[in-house]
Every structure is written in structure tokens, then in C-alpha cells.
Amino acid sequence: MNGSPSLSDKVLIAAIALAAGEVTTEFTAEDLVVAAWKQDNASFGLRGNETVHPDNNKVYTKIDGKSGLVSKGMLAKAGERTLRITPAGLAYASELDAGIELEHSGKLDRA
């Protein structure tokens, strides 16, 4: 994919890392906030404290917003504030980063 990934793309990549590429692995929205922030604290940090604190609203809007990852079918809600990656999300992320496809292609086939 050309250009740098969008914030939504970065959240999706963080979700895949949390789930270790497994579409059956569930994780909390809070864990995803921290994972996205650790991946890119400049984008997901609390204004003025980017390197110290994550900003959960920046990530939550990418998850649940009108055009968020859940409504796009990239993430699925597994419960209250609990998510999982979908096969579509894993496939899309593999287009963003060829390393994801190579590392997790077998896991996608099993799911």
C-alpha cells in the first residue's frame, strides 16, 4: 500500500498484534488503547503528555465511530468493551503490511 497508514489502520495493526493474528482471540478496548499508544504515542498520546499517557478517545473513535473499524467489519464486538479481529480485518491488514500476511497466513486459513 502506498503512503503512510491512517490512524484506523494503525489501530487495526495494533489489534492484530494483540490477538497474535488469531481471529478467535478476544481483547479489551482498553488493551487496544495501550497497544496503539505504545505503537505510536505521537498519534495516540494525550495532548501535551503524548509520551506519558494514552488518549483513549482517539482510539475509541477509530473503533466505534461512524466509520470505525467495527462498522467497517474489521473488528467485531465480542462483549462489553471486548473485541476480536475479523477475517476481513486480518486480510485488509495483510495488504497494509506484507509481514502480517507472512507471519499469520496459516492462522487466517485455520480460522
C-alpha atoms as a PDB file:
ATOM      1  CA  MET A   1       0.000   0.000   0.000  1.00  0.00           C
ATOM      2  CA  ASN A   2       1.309   3.453  -0.856  1.00  0.00           C
ATOM      3  CA  GLY A   3       1.623   6.244   1.683  1.00  0.00           C
ATOM      4  CA  SER A   4       1.558   6.033   5.413  1.00  0.00           C
ATOM      5  CA  PRO A   5      -1.201   4.121   7.200  1.00  0.00           C
ATOM      6  CA  SER A   6      -4.193   6.024   8.549  1.00  0.00           C
ATOM      7  CA  LEU A   7      -4.927   6.168  12.271  1.00  0.00           C
ATOM      8  CA  SER A   8      -7.585   3.487  11.776  1.00  0.00           C
ATOM      9  CA  ASP A   9      -5.020   1.318  10.010  1.00  0.00           C
ATOM     10  CA  LYS A  10      -2.623   1.770  12.928  1.00  0.00           C
ATOM     11  CA  VAL A  11      -5.326   0.726  15.399  1.00  0.00           C
ATOM     12  CA  LEU A  12      -6.086  -2.347  13.283  1.00  0.00           C
ATOM     13  CA  ILE A  13      -2.409  -3.316  13.188  1.00  0.00           C
ATOM     14  CA  ALA A  14      -2.232  -2.920  16.981  1.00  0.00           C
ATOM     15  CA  ALA A  15      -5.325  -5.152  17.290  1.00  0.00           C
ATOM     16  CA  ILE A  16      -3.710  -7.855  15.192  1.00  0.00           C
ATOM     17  CA  ALA A  17      -0.613  -7.733  17.370  1.00  0.00           C
ATOM     18  CA  LEU A  18      -2.786  -8.075  20.498  1.00  0.00           C
ATOM     19  CA  ALA A  19      -4.611 -11.052  19.040  1.00  0.00           C
ATOM     20  CA  ALA A  20      -1.392 -12.568  17.662  1.00  0.00           C
ATOM     21  CA  GLY A  21      -3.189 -12.820  14.321  1.00  0.00           C
ATOM     22  CA  GLU A  22      -5.874 -15.135  15.696  1.00  0.00           C
ATOM     23  CA  VAL A  23      -9.442 -14.206  14.765  1.00  0.00           C
ATOM     24  CA  THR A  24     -10.753 -16.095  17.809  1.00  0.00           C
ATOM     25  CA  THR A  25      -8.637 -14.206  20.370  1.00  0.00           C
ATOM     26  CA  GLU A  26     -10.528 -11.560  22.318  1.00  0.00           C
ATOM     27  CA  PHE A  27      -9.021  -8.429  23.839  1.00  0.00           C
ATOM     28  CA  THR A  28     -10.370  -5.408  25.660  1.00  0.00           C
ATOM     29  CA  ALA A  29     -10.769  -1.971  24.164  1.00  0.00           C
ATOM     30  CA  GLU A  30      -8.522  -0.694  26.947  1.00  0.00           C
ATOM     31  CA  ASP A  31      -5.767  -3.124  25.949  1.00  0.00           C
ATOM     32  CA  LEU A  32      -6.120  -1.870  22.389  1.00  0.00           C
ATOM     33  CA  VAL A  33      -5.781   1.747  23.548  1.00  0.00           C
ATOM     34  CA  VAL A  34      -2.495   0.927  25.263  1.00  0.00           C
ATOM     35  CA  ALA A  35      -1.213  -1.183  22.361  1.00  0.00           C
ATOM     36  CA  ALA A  36      -1.942   1.540  19.790  1.00  0.00           C
ATOM     37  CA  TRP A  37      -0.323   4.159  22.035  1.00  0.00           C
ATOM     38  CA  LYS A  38       2.800   2.030  22.547  1.00  0.00           C
ATOM     39  CA  GLN A  39       2.989   1.549  18.780  1.00  0.00           C
ATOM     40  CA  ASP A  40       2.673   5.293  18.052  1.00  0.00           C
ATOM     41  CA  ASN A  41       2.495   7.563  21.083  1.00  0.00           C
ATOM     42  CA  ALA A  42       2.678  10.700  18.940  1.00  0.00           C
ATOM     43  CA  SER A  43      -0.615   9.769  17.272  1.00  0.00           C
ATOM     44  CA  PHE A  44      -2.413   8.236  20.242  1.00  0.00           C
ATOM     45  CA  GLY A  45      -0.978  10.131  23.204  1.00  0.00           C
ATOM     46  CA  LEU A  46      -2.826  12.601  25.380  1.00  0.00           C
ATOM     47  CA  ARG A  47      -2.142  16.102  24.069  1.00  0.00           C
ATOM     48  CA  GLY A  48       0.850  17.594  25.861  1.00  0.00           C
ATOM     49  CA  ASN A  49       1.630  14.253  27.512  1.00  0.00           C
ATOM     50  CA  GLU A  50       1.996  12.052  24.434  1.00  0.00           C
ATOM     51  CA  THR A  51       4.928  10.036  25.769  1.00  0.00           C
ATOM     52  CA  VAL A  52       3.380   9.524  29.201  1.00  0.00           C
ATOM     53  CA  HIS A  53      -0.377   8.863  28.736  1.00  0.00           C
ATOM     54  CA  PRO A  54      -2.579   7.410  26.002  1.00  0.00           C
ATOM     55  CA  ASP A  55      -5.716   9.234  24.867  1.00  0.00           C
ATOM     56  CA  ASN A  56      -8.473   6.621  24.888  1.00  0.00           C
ATOM     57  CA  ASN A  57     -10.883   8.817  22.914  1.00  0.00           C
ATOM     58  CA  LYS A  58      -8.535   8.873  19.919  1.00  0.00           C
ATOM     59  CA  VAL A  59      -8.600   5.083  19.765  1.00  0.00           C
ATOM     60  CA  TYR A  60     -12.263   4.614  20.712  1.00  0.00           C
ATOM     61  CA  THR A  61     -13.388   6.810  17.812  1.00  0.00           C
ATOM     62  CA  LYS A  62     -11.398   4.598  15.430  1.00  0.00           C
ATOM     63  CA  ILE A  63     -13.092   1.523  16.903  1.00  0.00           C
ATOM     64  CA  ASP A  64     -16.696   2.652  17.401  1.00  0.00           C
ATOM     65  CA  GLY A  65     -17.041   5.837  15.376  1.00  0.00           C
ATOM     66  CA  LYS A  66     -19.456   6.190  12.475  1.00  0.00           C
ATOM     67  CA  SER A  67     -16.794   4.904  10.087  1.00  0.00           C
ATOM     68  CA  GLY A  68     -14.929   2.933  12.751  1.00  0.00           C
ATOM     69  CA  LEU A  69     -13.329  -0.460  12.441  1.00  0.00           C
ATOM     70  CA  VAL A  70     -16.388  -2.251  13.865  1.00  0.00           C
ATOM     71  CA  SER A  71     -18.774  -0.687  11.347  1.00  0.00           C
ATOM     72  CA  LYS A  72     -16.300  -1.475   8.548  1.00  0.00           C
ATOM     73  CA  GLY A  73     -16.256  -5.137   9.611  1.00  0.00           C
ATOM     74  CA  MET A  74     -12.544  -5.138  10.514  1.00  0.00           C
ATOM     75  CA  LEU A  75     -13.192  -5.700  14.233  1.00  0.00           C
ATOM     76  CA  ALA A  76     -16.122  -7.442  15.889  1.00  0.00           C
ATOM     77  CA  LYS A  77     -17.575  -6.825  19.318  1.00  0.00           C
ATOM     78  CA  ALA A  78     -17.272  -9.962  21.413  1.00  0.00           C
ATOM     79  CA  GLY A  79     -18.837  -8.461  24.528  1.00  0.00           C
ATOM     80  CA  GLU A  80     -18.915  -5.281  26.580  1.00  0.00           C
ATOM     81  CA  ARG A  81     -15.746  -3.381  25.535  1.00  0.00           C
ATOM     82  CA  THR A  82     -14.307  -6.688  24.273  1.00  0.00           C
ATOM     83  CA  LEU A  83     -13.258  -7.093  20.657  1.00  0.00           C
ATOM     84  CA  ARG A  84     -11.725  -9.520  18.220  1.00  0.00           C
ATOM     85  CA  ILE A  85     -10.176  -9.168  14.794  1.00  0.00           C
ATOM     86  CA  THR A  86     -12.290 -10.426  11.884  1.00  0.00           C
ATOM     87  CA  PRO A  87     -11.024 -12.391   8.886  1.00  0.00           C
ATOM     88  CA  ALA A  88     -11.735  -9.285   6.777  1.00  0.00           C
ATOM     89  CA  GLY A  89      -9.650  -7.177   9.169  1.00  0.00           C
ATOM     90  CA  LEU A  90      -6.780  -9.640   9.012  1.00  0.00           C
ATOM     91  CA  ALA A  91      -6.940  -9.750   5.217  1.00  0.00           C
ATOM     92  CA  TYR A  92      -7.008  -5.954   4.936  1.00  0.00           C
ATOM     93  CA  ALA A  93      -4.100  -5.586   7.345  1.00  0.00           C
ATOM     94  CA  SER A  94      -2.064  -8.019   5.280  1.00  0.00           C
ATOM     95  CA  GLU A  95      -2.405  -5.554   2.393  1.00  0.00           C
ATOM     96  CA  LEU A  96      -1.058  -2.800   4.659  1.00  0.00           C
ATOM     97  CA  ASP A  97       1.926  -4.787   5.881  1.00  0.00           C
ATOM     98  CA  ALA A  98       3.206  -7.808   3.975  1.00  0.00           C
ATOM     99  CA  GLY A  99       4.856  -9.015   7.199  1.00  0.00           C
ATOM    100  CA  ILE A 100       1.430  -9.640   8.715  1.00  0.00           C
ATOM    101  CA  GLU A 101       0.450 -11.842   5.808  1.00  0.00           C
ATOM    102  CA  LEU A 102       3.640 -13.872   6.015  1.00  0.00           C
ATOM    103  CA  GLU A 103       3.542 -14.225   9.779  1.00  0.00           C
ATOM    104  CA  HIS A 104      -0.146 -15.034  10.162  1.00  0.00           C
ATOM    105  CA  SER A 105      -1.286 -16.516   6.855  1.00  0.00           C
ATOM    106  CA  GLY A 106      -1.615 -20.006   8.343  1.00  0.00           C
ATOM    107  CA  LYS A 107      -3.717 -18.678  11.181  1.00  0.00           C
ATOM    108  CA  LEU A 108      -6.069 -16.995   8.748  1.00  0.00           C
ATOM    109  CA  ASP A 109      -6.501 -20.265   6.836  1.00  0.00           C
ATOM    110  CA  ARG A 110      -7.419 -22.161  10.048  1.00  0.00           C
ATOM    111  CA  ALA A 111      -9.974 -19.570  11.070  1.00  0.00           C
END
